[in-house]
C-alpha atoms as a PDB file:
ATOM      1  CA  MET A   1      -5.632  21.022  -6.192  1.00  0.00           C
ATOM      2  CA  LYS A   2      -5.064  19.873  -9.766  1.00  0.00           C
ATOM      3  CA  THR A   3      -8.144  18.518 -11.862  1.00  0.00           C
ATOM      4  CA  ASP A   4      -6.598  18.391 -15.343  1.00  0.00           C
ATOM      5  CA  LEU A   5      -4.920  15.139 -16.226  1.00  0.00           C
ATOM      6  CA  SER A   6      -3.997  16.692 -19.527  1.00  0.00           C
ATOM      7  CA  HIS A   7      -0.887  15.507 -19.305  1.00  0.00           C
ATOM      8  CA  LEU A   8      -1.672  11.515 -19.340  1.00  0.00           C
ATOM      9  CA  PRO A   9      -2.046   9.920 -22.566  1.00  0.00           C
ATOM     10  CA  GLY A  10      -5.735   9.156 -23.755  1.00  0.00           C
ATOM     11  CA  GLY A  11      -6.303   5.622 -23.086  1.00  0.00           C
ATOM     12  CA  LYS A  12      -4.665   6.687 -19.603  1.00  0.00           C
ATOM     13  CA  ARG A  13      -7.535   9.106 -19.285  1.00  0.00           C
ATOM     14  CA  ARG A  14      -9.818   6.372 -19.867  1.00  0.00           C
ATOM     15  CA  GLU A  15      -8.928   4.066 -17.528  1.00  0.00           C
ATOM     16  CA  LEU A  16      -8.437   6.244 -14.417  1.00  0.00           C
ATOM     17  CA  GLU A  17     -12.189   7.154 -15.346  1.00  0.00           C
ATOM     18  CA  PHE A  18     -13.273   3.599 -15.780  1.00  0.00           C
ATOM     19  CA  VAL A  19     -11.192   2.405 -12.485  1.00  0.00           C
ATOM     20  CA  VAL A  20     -13.728   5.759 -10.693  1.00  0.00           C
ATOM     21  CA  GLU A  21     -16.705   4.117 -12.176  1.00  0.00           C
ATOM     22  CA  VAL A  22     -15.962   0.917 -10.500  1.00  0.00           C
ATOM     23  CA  LEU A  23     -15.003   1.531  -7.586  1.00  0.00           C
ATOM     24  CA  LEU A  24     -18.192   4.141  -7.245  1.00  0.00           C
ATOM     25  CA  GLU A  25     -20.259   0.885  -8.347  1.00  0.00           C
ATOM     26  CA  GLU A  26     -19.094  -1.178  -6.070  1.00  0.00           C
ATOM     27  CA  PHE A  27     -19.383   0.772  -3.059  1.00  0.00           C
ATOM     28  CA  GLY A  28     -22.773   1.894  -3.663  1.00  0.00           C
ATOM     29  CA  LYS A  29     -23.598  -2.215  -4.183  1.00  0.00           C
ATOM     30  CA  LEU A  30     -22.436  -3.065  -0.910  1.00  0.00           C
ATOM     31  CA  THR A  31     -23.849   0.448   1.126  1.00  0.00           C
ATOM     32  CA  ALA A  32     -26.685  -0.281  -0.306  1.00  0.00           C
ATOM     33  CA  THR A  33     -27.142  -3.481   1.394  1.00  0.00           C
ATOM     34  CA  ARG A  34     -26.712  -1.925   4.760  1.00  0.00           C
ATOM     35  CA  LYS A  35     -29.686  -1.483   7.103  1.00  0.00           C
ATOM     36  CA  ALA A  36     -28.160   0.508   9.571  1.00  0.00           C
ATOM     37  CA  PRO A  37     -28.657   4.578   7.921  1.00  0.00           C
ATOM     38  CA  ARG A  38     -25.103   5.690   8.372  1.00  0.00           C
ATOM     39  CA  LEU A  39     -23.866   2.884   6.227  1.00  0.00           C
ATOM     40  CA  ALA A  40     -26.596   2.970   3.760  1.00  0.00           C
ATOM     41  CA  SER A  41     -25.993   6.522   3.237  1.00  0.00           C
ATOM     42  CA  GLY A  42     -22.654   6.850   3.161  1.00  0.00           C
ATOM     43  CA  GLN A  43     -20.496   7.976   0.320  1.00  0.00           C
ATOM     44  CA  VAL A  44     -17.302   8.377  -1.379  1.00  0.00           C
ATOM     45  CA  LEU A  45     -16.338  12.341  -1.125  1.00  0.00           C
ATOM     46  CA  LYS A  46     -13.757  12.006  -3.387  1.00  0.00           C
ATOM     47  CA  VAL A  47     -11.034   9.918  -5.081  1.00  0.00           C
ATOM     48  CA  ILE A  48      -7.439  11.204  -5.676  1.00  0.00           C
ATOM     49  CA  LEU A  49      -4.863  10.380  -7.756  1.00  0.00           C
ATOM     50  CA  PHE A  50      -1.514  10.591  -6.335  1.00  0.00           C
ATOM     51  CA  GLY A  51       1.898   9.399  -6.976  1.00  0.00           C
ATOM     52  CA  SER A  52       3.808   8.958 -10.422  1.00  0.00           C
ATOM     53  CA  TYR A  53       0.852   9.733 -12.606  1.00  0.00           C
ATOM     54  CA  ALA A  54       0.021  12.679 -10.738  1.00  0.00           C
ATOM     55  CA  ARG A  55       3.197  13.993 -10.913  1.00  0.00           C
ATOM     56  CA  GLY A  56       3.689  12.977 -14.131  1.00  0.00           C
ATOM     57  CA  ASP A  57       7.234  10.314 -13.982  1.00  0.00           C
ATOM     58  CA  TRP A  58       5.754   7.486 -14.207  1.00  0.00           C
ATOM     59  CA  VAL A  59       7.527   4.008 -15.520  1.00  0.00           C
ATOM     60  CA  GLU A  60       6.894   1.448 -17.990  1.00  0.00           C
ATOM     61  CA  ASP A  61       9.709  -0.315 -17.945  1.00  0.00           C
ATOM     62  CA  PRO A  62       8.827  -4.273 -20.032  1.00  0.00           C
ATOM     63  CA  ILE A  63      12.520  -4.952 -19.820  1.00  0.00           C
ATOM     64  CA  GLY A  64      13.311  -4.585 -16.504  1.00  0.00           C
ATOM     65  CA  ARG A  65       9.598  -5.413 -15.356  1.00  0.00           C
ATOM     66  CA  TYR A  66       8.335  -2.456 -13.652  1.00  0.00           C
ATOM     67  CA  PHE A  67       5.270  -0.760 -14.104  1.00  0.00           C
ATOM     68  CA  SER A  68       3.718   2.142 -11.996  1.00  0.00           C
ATOM     69  CA  ASP A  69       0.295   1.823 -10.414  1.00  0.00           C
ATOM     70  CA  TYR A  70      -2.284   4.055 -10.394  1.00  0.00           C
ATOM     71  CA  ASP A  71      -1.998   5.610  -6.820  1.00  0.00           C
ATOM     72  CA  LEU A  72      -5.898   6.501  -5.213  1.00  0.00           C
ATOM     73  CA  LEU A  73      -6.638   7.904  -2.538  1.00  0.00           C
ATOM     74  CA  ILE A  74     -10.190   7.391  -1.291  1.00  0.00           C
ATOM     75  CA  ILE A  75     -11.550   9.742   1.221  1.00  0.00           C
ATOM     76  CA  VAL A  76     -15.472   8.558   2.588  1.00  0.00           C
ATOM     77  CA  ASP A  77     -17.082  10.386   5.034  1.00  0.00           C
ATOM     78  CA  HIS A  78     -16.990   8.307   8.330  1.00  0.00           C
ATOM     79  CA  ASP A  79     -14.415   5.865   9.749  1.00  0.00           C
ATOM     80  CA  ASP A  80     -16.635   2.901   9.728  1.00  0.00           C
ATOM     81  CA  LEU A  81     -17.152   2.863   5.714  1.00  0.00           C
ATOM     82  CA  ALA A  82     -13.071   2.965   5.264  1.00  0.00           C
ATOM     83  CA  ASP A  83     -12.935  -0.769   6.721  1.00  0.00           C
ATOM     84  CA  THR A  84     -10.858  -2.222   3.463  1.00  0.00           C
ATOM     85  CA  VAL A  85     -12.378  -5.594   4.131  1.00  0.00           C
ATOM     86  CA  GLU A  86     -15.982  -5.447   4.461  1.00  0.00           C
ATOM     87  CA  PHE A  87     -16.532  -2.168   2.132  1.00  0.00           C
ATOM     88  CA  TRP A  88     -13.785  -2.322  -0.628  1.00  0.00           C
ATOM     89  CA  ASP A  89     -12.621  -5.835  -1.268  1.00  0.00           C
ATOM     90  CA  THR A  90     -15.153  -6.607  -3.536  1.00  0.00           C
ATOM     91  CA  ALA A  91     -13.414  -2.991  -5.710  1.00  0.00           C
ATOM     92  CA  GLU A  92      -9.824  -4.471  -5.192  1.00  0.00           C
ATOM     93  CA  VAL A  93     -11.049  -8.130  -6.912  1.00  0.00           C
ATOM     94  CA  ARG A  94     -13.109  -6.561  -9.588  1.00  0.00           C
ATOM     95  CA  LEU A  95      -9.980  -4.167 -10.551  1.00  0.00           C
ATOM     96  CA  LEU A  96      -7.911  -7.400 -10.609  1.00  0.00           C
ATOM     97  CA  LYS A  97      -9.975  -9.224 -12.823  1.00  0.00           C
ATOM     98  CA  GLU A  98      -9.921  -6.194 -15.728  1.00  0.00           C
ATOM     99  CA  LEU A  99      -6.199  -6.260 -14.781  1.00  0.00           C
ATOM    100  CA  SER A 100      -6.423  -9.914 -16.045  1.00  0.00           C
ATOM    101  CA  SER A 101      -8.759  -9.229 -19.130  1.00  0.00           C
ATOM    102  CA  GLY A 102      -6.785  -6.422 -20.135  1.00  0.00           C
ATOM    103  CA  ARG A 103      -9.910  -5.221 -21.587  1.00  0.00           C
ATOM    104  CA  ARG A 104     -10.147  -1.860 -20.385  1.00  0.00           C
ATOM    105  CA  LEU A 105      -7.853  -1.458 -17.699  1.00  0.00           C
ATOM    106  CA  ARG A 106      -3.792  -2.325 -18.336  1.00  0.00           C
ATOM    107  CA  THR A 107      -2.216  -0.410 -15.585  1.00  0.00           C
ATOM    108  CA  PRO A 108      -2.098  -1.596 -11.924  1.00  0.00           C
ATOM    109  CA  VAL A 109      -4.401   0.136  -9.418  1.00  0.00           C
ATOM    110  CA  ASN A 110      -3.269   0.461  -5.829  1.00  0.00           C
ATOM    111  CA  PHE A 111      -5.792   2.668  -3.672  1.00  0.00           C
ATOM    112  CA  ILE A 112      -6.120   3.633   0.249  1.00  0.00           C
ATOM    113  CA  VAL A 113      -9.109   4.476   1.788  1.00  0.00           C
ATOM    114  CA  HIS A 114      -9.693   6.829   4.912  1.00  0.00           C
ATOM    115  CA  SER A 115     -11.902   9.335   6.126  1.00  0.00           C
ATOM    116  CA  LEU A 116     -12.460  13.107   5.317  1.00  0.00           C
ATOM    117  CA  GLN A 117     -11.931  13.115   9.793  1.00  0.00           C
ATOM    118  CA  ASP A 118      -8.943  11.263   9.424  1.00  0.00           C
ATOM    119  CA  VAL A 119      -7.315  12.886   6.434  1.00  0.00           C
ATOM    120  CA  ASN A 120      -8.310  16.404   7.624  1.00  0.00           C
ATOM    121  CA  HIS A 121      -6.533  15.814  11.148  1.00  0.00           C
ATOM    122  CA  GLN A 122      -3.348  14.674   8.966  1.00  0.00           C
ATOM    123  CA  LEU A 123      -3.389  17.299   7.245  1.00  0.00           C
ATOM    124  CA  GLU A 124      -3.625  19.505   9.950  1.00  0.00           C
ATOM    125  CA  ARG A 125      -0.868  17.797  11.935  1.00  0.00           C
ATOM    126  CA  GLY A 126       1.352  18.459   8.959  1.00  0.00           C
ATOM    127  CA  ARG A 127       1.914  14.399   7.781  1.00  0.00           C
ATOM    128  CA  TYR A 128       4.408  14.465   5.321  1.00  0.00           C
ATOM    129  CA  PHE A 129       2.093  11.938   3.315  1.00  0.00           C
ATOM    130  CA  PHE A 130      -0.849  14.066   2.792  1.00  0.00           C
ATOM    131  CA  VAL A 131       0.613  17.266   2.862  1.00  0.00           C
ATOM    132  CA  ASP A 132       1.896  15.848  -0.754  1.00  0.00           C
ATOM    133  CA  ILE A 133      -1.222  13.970  -1.650  1.00  0.00           C
ATOM    134  CA  VAL A 134      -2.555  17.592  -1.255  1.00  0.00           C
ATOM    135  CA  ARG A 135       0.467  19.823  -2.983  1.00  0.00           C
ATOM    136  CA  GLU A 136       0.635  17.181  -6.428  1.00  0.00           C
ATOM    137  CA  GLY A 137      -2.606  15.144  -6.655  1.00  0.00           C
ATOM    138  CA  THR A 138      -5.197  15.688  -9.290  1.00  0.00           C
ATOM    139  CA  LEU A 139      -8.867  15.397  -8.209  1.00  0.00           C
ATOM    140  CA  LEU A 140     -10.860  12.928 -10.306  1.00  0.00           C
ATOM    141  CA  HIS A 141     -13.920  13.049  -8.093  1.00  0.00           C
ATOM    142  CA  ASN A 142     -15.460  14.955  -5.820  1.00  0.00           C
ATOM    143  CA  VAL A 143     -18.655  15.747  -3.766  1.00  0.00           C
ATOM    144  CA  GLN A 144     -18.461  19.533  -3.179  1.00  0.00           C
ATOM    145  CA  GLY A 145     -19.293  20.802   0.306  1.00  0.00           C
ATOM    146  CA  HIS A 146     -16.282  18.704   1.797  1.00  0.00           C
ATOM    147  CA  ALA A 147     -12.984  21.058   1.822  1.00  0.00           C
ATOM    148  CA  LEU A 148     -10.054  19.587   3.213  1.00  0.00           C
ATOM    149  CA  ALA A 149      -8.305  21.287   5.785  1.00  0.00           C
ATOM    150  CA  ASN A 150      -5.324  23.680   5.006  1.00  0.00           C
ATOM    151  CA  PRO A 151      -1.849  21.748   5.687  1.00  0.00           C
ATOM    152  CA  THR A 152       0.436  23.057   8.282  1.00  0.00           C
ATOM    153  CA  GLU A 153       4.004  23.195   8.254  1.00  0.00           C
ATOM    154  CA  LEU A 154       5.737  20.302  11.019  1.00  0.00           C
ATOM    155  CA  SER A 155       9.056  21.247  12.347  1.00  0.00           C
ATOM    156  CA  PRO A 156      12.089  19.196  11.475  1.00  0.00           C
ATOM    157  CA  GLU A 157      12.545  18.823  15.124  1.00  0.00           C
ATOM    158  CA  THR A 158       8.967  17.356  15.711  1.00  0.00           C
ATOM    159  CA  ALA A 159       9.923  15.199  12.375  1.00  0.00           C
ATOM    160  CA  LEU A 160      13.166  13.988  13.072  1.00  0.00           C
ATOM    161  CA  ALA A 161      11.737  13.042  16.534  1.00  0.00           C
ATOM    162  CA  GLU A 162       9.165  10.722  15.124  1.00  0.00           C
ATOM    163  CA  ALA A 163      10.683   8.951  12.422  1.00  0.00           C
ATOM    164  CA  GLN A 164      13.458   8.263  15.163  1.00  0.00           C
ATOM    165  CA  GLY A 165      10.641   6.720  17.349  1.00  0.00           C
ATOM    166  CA  TYR A 166       9.113   4.857  14.482  1.00  0.00           C
ATOM    167  CA  PHE A 167      12.687   3.621  13.293  1.00  0.00           C
ATOM    168  CA  ASP A 168      13.733   2.471  17.044  1.00  0.00           C
ATOM    169  CA  GLN A 169      10.348   0.514  17.220  1.00  0.00           C
ATOM    170  CA  TRP A 170       9.302  -1.077  14.007  1.00  0.00           C
ATOM    171  CA  PHE A 171      12.862  -1.922  12.999  1.00  0.00           C
ATOM    172  CA  GLU A 172      13.439  -3.956  15.904  1.00  0.00           C
ATOM    173  CA  SER A 173      10.018  -5.384  15.769  1.00  0.00           C
ATOM    174  CA  ALA A 174      10.367  -6.375  12.605  1.00  0.00           C
ATOM    175  CA  ASP A 175      14.370  -8.194  13.705  1.00  0.00           C
ATOM    176  CA  THR A 176      11.780  -9.647  16.322  1.00  0.00           C
ATOM    177  CA  ALA A 177       9.912 -11.308  13.875  1.00  0.00           C
ATOM    178  CA  LEU A 178      12.540 -12.741  11.852  1.00  0.00           C
ATOM    179  CA  LYS A 179      14.797 -14.366  14.258  1.00  0.00           C
ATOM    180  CA  GLY A 180      11.531 -16.267  15.271  1.00  0.00           C
ATOM    181  CA  ALA A 181      11.293 -17.345  11.783  1.00  0.00           C
ATOM    182  CA  ASN A 182      14.394 -18.720  11.950  1.00  0.00           C
ATOM    183  CA  PHE A 183      13.838 -20.755  14.878  1.00  0.00           C
ATOM    184  CA  TYR A 184      10.448 -22.271  13.629  1.00  0.00           C
ATOM    185  CA  ILE A 185      12.874 -23.112  10.318  1.00  0.00           C
ATOM    186  CA  SER A 186      15.668 -24.625  12.154  1.00  0.00           C
ATOM    187  CA  GLU A 187      12.331 -26.599  13.860  1.00  0.00           C
ATOM    188  CA  GLY A 188      11.339 -27.838  10.524  1.00  0.00           C
ATOM    189  CA  ASP A 189       7.712 -25.695  11.478  1.00  0.00           C
ATOM    190  CA  GLY A 190       6.965 -24.204   7.978  1.00  0.00           C
ATOM    191  CA  LYS A 191       3.751 -22.856   8.662  1.00  0.00           C
ATOM    192  CA  ASP A 192       4.768 -20.521  12.065  1.00  0.00           C
ATOM    193  CA  ALA A 193       7.995 -19.706   9.831  1.00  0.00           C
ATOM    194  CA  ALA A 194       5.925 -18.984   7.164  1.00  0.00           C
ATOM    195  CA  PHE A 195       3.697 -16.483   9.215  1.00  0.00           C
ATOM    196  CA  LEU A 196       6.725 -14.720  10.854  1.00  0.00           C
ATOM    197  CA  LEU A 197       8.704 -14.162   7.861  1.00  0.00           C
ATOM    198  CA  HIS A 198       5.191 -12.280   6.329  1.00  0.00           C
ATOM    199  CA  GLN A 199       5.474 -10.150  10.300  1.00  0.00           C
ATOM    200  CA  ALA A 200       9.118  -9.663   9.262  1.00  0.00           C
ATOM    201  CA  THR A 201       8.541  -7.932   5.787  1.00  0.00           C
ATOM    202  CA  GLU A 202       5.328  -6.279   6.956  1.00  0.00           C
ATOM    203  CA  ARG A 203       7.211  -4.409   9.670  1.00  0.00           C
ATOM    204  CA  TYR A 204       9.958  -3.864   7.660  1.00  0.00           C
ATOM    205  CA  TYR A 205       7.660  -1.868   5.067  1.00  0.00           C
ATOM    206  CA  ASN A 206       6.028  -0.510   7.778  1.00  0.00           C
ATOM    207  CA  CYS A 207       9.382   0.781   9.249  1.00  0.00           C
ATOM    208  CA  LEU A 208      10.361   2.259   5.770  1.00  0.00           C
ATOM    209  CA  LEU A 209       7.237   4.362   5.098  1.00  0.00           C
ATOM    210  CA  LEU A 210       6.877   5.810   8.609  1.00  0.00           C
ATOM    211  CA  VAL A 211      10.548   7.259   8.849  1.00  0.00           C
ATOM    212  CA  LEU A 212       9.550   8.338   5.197  1.00  0.00           C
ATOM    213  CA  THR A 213       6.531   9.575   5.117  1.00  0.00           C
ATOM    214  CA  LEU A 214       5.242   9.506   8.887  1.00  0.00           C
ATOM    215  CA  TYR A 215       2.430   7.164   7.552  1.00  0.00           C
ATOM    216  CA  THR A 216       1.638   3.495   6.690  1.00  0.00           C
ATOM    217  CA  PRO A 217      -1.995   2.026   5.666  1.00  0.00           C
ATOM    218  CA  LYS A 218      -3.374  -0.283   8.178  1.00  0.00           C
ATOM    219  CA  SER A 219      -3.084  -3.144   6.345  1.00  0.00           C
ATOM    220  CA  HIS A 220      -1.248  -6.520   5.852  1.00  0.00           C
ATOM    221  CA  ASN A 221      -1.579  -7.121   2.134  1.00  0.00           C
ATOM    222  CA  LEU A 222       2.443  -6.766   1.080  1.00  0.00           C
ATOM    223  CA  VAL A 223       1.288  -6.151  -2.375  1.00  0.00           C
ATOM    224  CA  ARG A 224       0.031  -2.849  -0.792  1.00  0.00           C
ATOM    225  CA  LEU A 225       2.705  -2.137   1.372  1.00  0.00           C
ATOM    226  CA  ARG A 226       5.586  -2.567  -1.907  1.00  0.00           C
ATOM    227  CA  ASN A 227       3.988  -0.784  -3.983  1.00  0.00           C
ATOM    228  CA  LEU A 228       4.102   2.456  -1.668  1.00  0.00           C
ATOM    229  CA  ALA A 229       7.606   2.129  -0.463  1.00  0.00           C
ATOM    230  CA  GLU A 230       9.108   1.212  -3.903  1.00  0.00           C
ATOM    231  CA  PRO A 231       8.418   4.552  -5.276  1.00  0.00           C
ATOM    232  CA  LEU A 232       9.990   6.182  -2.059  1.00  0.00           C
ATOM    233  CA  ASP A 233      13.612   4.409  -3.192  1.00  0.00           C
ATOM    234  CA  ALA A 234      14.667   1.944  -6.264  1.00  0.00           C
ATOM    235  CA  ARG A 235      16.717   0.419  -4.665  1.00  0.00           C
ATOM    236  CA  LEU A 236      13.780  -2.105  -3.143  1.00  0.00           C
ATOM    237  CA  ILE A 237      12.377  -2.601  -6.278  1.00  0.00           C
ATOM    238  CA  GLY A 238      14.489  -5.467  -7.278  1.00  0.00           C
ATOM    239  CA  ILE A 239      13.822  -7.326  -4.253  1.00  0.00           C
ATOM    240  CA  TRP A 240      11.442  -9.202  -5.187  1.00  0.00           C
ATOM    241  CA  PRO A 241      12.214 -10.734  -8.891  1.00  0.00           C
ATOM    242  CA  THR A 242       9.939 -12.366 -10.992  1.00  0.00           C
ATOM    243  CA  LYS A 243      11.598 -13.809 -13.994  1.00  0.00           C
ATOM    244  CA  THR A 244      11.213 -17.539 -12.524  1.00  0.00           C
ATOM    245  CA  LYS A 245       7.672 -19.516 -11.815  1.00  0.00           C
ATOM    246  CA  PHE A 246       9.551 -20.324  -8.245  1.00  0.00           C
ATOM    247  CA  GLU A 247      10.440 -16.483  -7.624  1.00  0.00           C
ATOM    248  CA  LYS A 248       6.587 -15.791  -8.331  1.00  0.00           C
ATOM    249  CA  ARG A 249       5.679 -18.889  -6.279  1.00  0.00           C
ATOM    250  CA  CYS A 250       7.564 -17.777  -3.392  1.00  0.00           C
ATOM    251  CA  PHE A 251       6.506 -14.342  -3.332  1.00  0.00           C
ATOM    252  CA  GLU A 252       2.610 -15.644  -3.309  1.00  0.00           C
ATOM    253  CA  LEU A 253       3.174 -17.963  -0.483  1.00  0.00           C
ATOM    254  CA  LEU A 254       4.956 -14.830   1.974  1.00  0.00           C
ATOM    255  CA  ARG A 255       2.203 -12.635   0.644  1.00  0.00           C
ATOM    256  CA  ALA A 256      -0.831 -15.470   1.499  1.00  0.00           C
ATOM    257  CA  ALA A 257       1.119 -17.043   4.910  1.00  0.00           C
ATOM    258  CA  TYR A 258      -0.785 -13.907   6.894  1.00  0.00           C
ATOM    259  CA  ILE A 259      -4.073 -15.765   6.579  1.00  0.00           C
ATOM    260  CA  LYS A 260      -3.145 -19.262   5.124  1.00  0.00           C
ATOM    261  CA  ALA A 261       0.042 -20.400   7.104  1.00  0.00           C
ATOM    262  CA  ARG A 262      -2.392 -20.136  10.386  1.00  0.00           C
ATOM    263  CA  TYR A 263      -5.850 -21.113   9.291  1.00  0.00           C
ATOM    264  CA  SER A 264      -5.272 -23.282   6.089  1.00  0.00           C
ATOM    265  CA  LYS A 265      -4.676 -27.151   6.181  1.00  0.00           C
ATOM    266  CA  HIS A 266      -3.673 -26.830   2.352  1.00  0.00           C
ATOM    267  CA  TYR A 267      -0.899 -24.191   2.732  1.00  0.00           C
ATOM    268  CA  ARG A 268       2.884 -26.056   2.161  1.00  0.00           C
ATOM    269  CA  ILE A 269       5.845 -24.150   2.006  1.00  0.00           C
ATOM    270  CA  THR A 270       8.907 -26.181   1.522  1.00  0.00           C
ATOM    271  CA  SER A 271      13.062 -25.765   3.128  1.00  0.00           C
ATOM    272  CA  ASP A 272      13.861 -23.950  -0.517  1.00  0.00           C
ATOM    273  CA  GLU A 273      10.848 -22.162  -0.404  1.00  0.00           C
ATOM    274  CA  LEU A 274      11.810 -21.184   2.842  1.00  0.00           C
ATOM    275  CA  ALA A 275      15.657 -20.317   2.516  1.00  0.00           C
ATOM    276  CA  TRP A 276      14.682 -18.124  -0.782  1.00  0.00           C
ATOM    277  CA  ILE A 277      12.147 -16.051   0.723  1.00  0.00           C
ATOM    278  CA  SER A 278      14.457 -15.813   4.326  1.00  0.00           C
ATOM    279  CA  ASP A 279      17.667 -14.466   1.830  1.00  0.00           C
ATOM    280  CA  ARG A 280      15.323 -12.103   0.365  1.00  0.00           C
ATOM    281  CA  ILE A 281      14.023 -10.502   3.632  1.00  0.00           C
ATOM    282  CA  GLN A 282      17.612 -10.318   4.352  1.00  0.00           C
ATOM    283  CA  LEU A 283      18.258  -7.996   1.406  1.00  0.00           C
ATOM    284  CA  LEU A 284      14.851  -6.064   2.574  1.00  0.00           C
ATOM    285  CA  ARG A 285      16.383  -5.429   5.770  1.00  0.00           C
ATOM    286  CA  GLN A 286      19.637  -3.821   4.982  1.00  0.00           C
ATOM    287  CA  ARG A 287      18.150  -1.861   2.445  1.00  0.00           C
ATOM    288  CA  VAL A 288      15.224  -0.670   4.377  1.00  0.00           C
ATOM    289  CA  GLU A 289      18.216   0.070   7.181  1.00  0.00           C
ATOM    290  CA  ALA A 290      20.150   2.273   4.841  1.00  0.00           C
ATOM    291  CA  THR A 291      17.251   4.274   3.379  1.00  0.00           C
ATOM    292  CA  CYS A 292      15.979   5.227   7.062  1.00  0.00           C
ATOM    293  CA  THR A 293      19.977   5.983   8.614  1.00  0.00           C
ATOM    294  CA  GLU A 294      20.432   8.293   5.521  1.00  0.00           C
ATOM    295  CA  ARG A 295      16.817   9.548   6.155  1.00  0.00           C
ATOM    296  CA  LEU A 296      17.089  10.264   9.830  1.00  0.00           C
ATOM    297  CA  ALA A 297      20.889  11.945   8.978  1.00  0.00           C
ATOM    298  CA  GLY A 298      19.331  13.910   6.546  1.00  0.00           C
END
């Protein structure tokens, strides 16, 4: 695996050093408070940069308002430490604050967390997503003595069978959630409609990621799913425009619906907002179906 970041400008290299510093620091704070030895002694074994910044084809387009994220795979020494809510939320919040201030970080950060055992299992099964990270990624942090497994080759027949199974399962599941959302919209139940619109969106992204890479993170975070999906097909990038306050608010209402639409008495969403979100999800559905159909046919 590469360790050289010389293809990146100096400012980007300094940002990545800072990001790794924040991740390790915030993780260390949380594990230091744990009494269980397996948690208190937990380690971040590797941090790997993957995606466009590792390959060298990142995008910064202020006119089109599209900017590539730093994509990071964090590898920890056992599964409990991969719980993003318990061990990584504070790091994510801090990175967002640093991004907002713009002093030491100006590039969004998207990270996923897996145990070494899990990553090696995926490599041994020839899962594209992890194999590509090993082949194209750049190691930013490494604890010696914890080797990654050698990737195996996945047969086209096996890959097709799995991808077709994922498409059949997840596309139908997303359609069911969208159908339920439309029912609740017709009944004037905005909260239940918003929750099911979130579920439909999440499932369409899961469908695409699984068909194209045989992997999707265990996450309800639509921003994280979008950041993984959009680089795979440029047709996905314009689905959620952000030119107006209304557009930004609608996506934020959708993003927050997984928790707030169910549990917050303060969550409010209008019929106009629901209609706009529904239209964008229909567009997402069309593009996911087209992308997955092309992939399966290929």
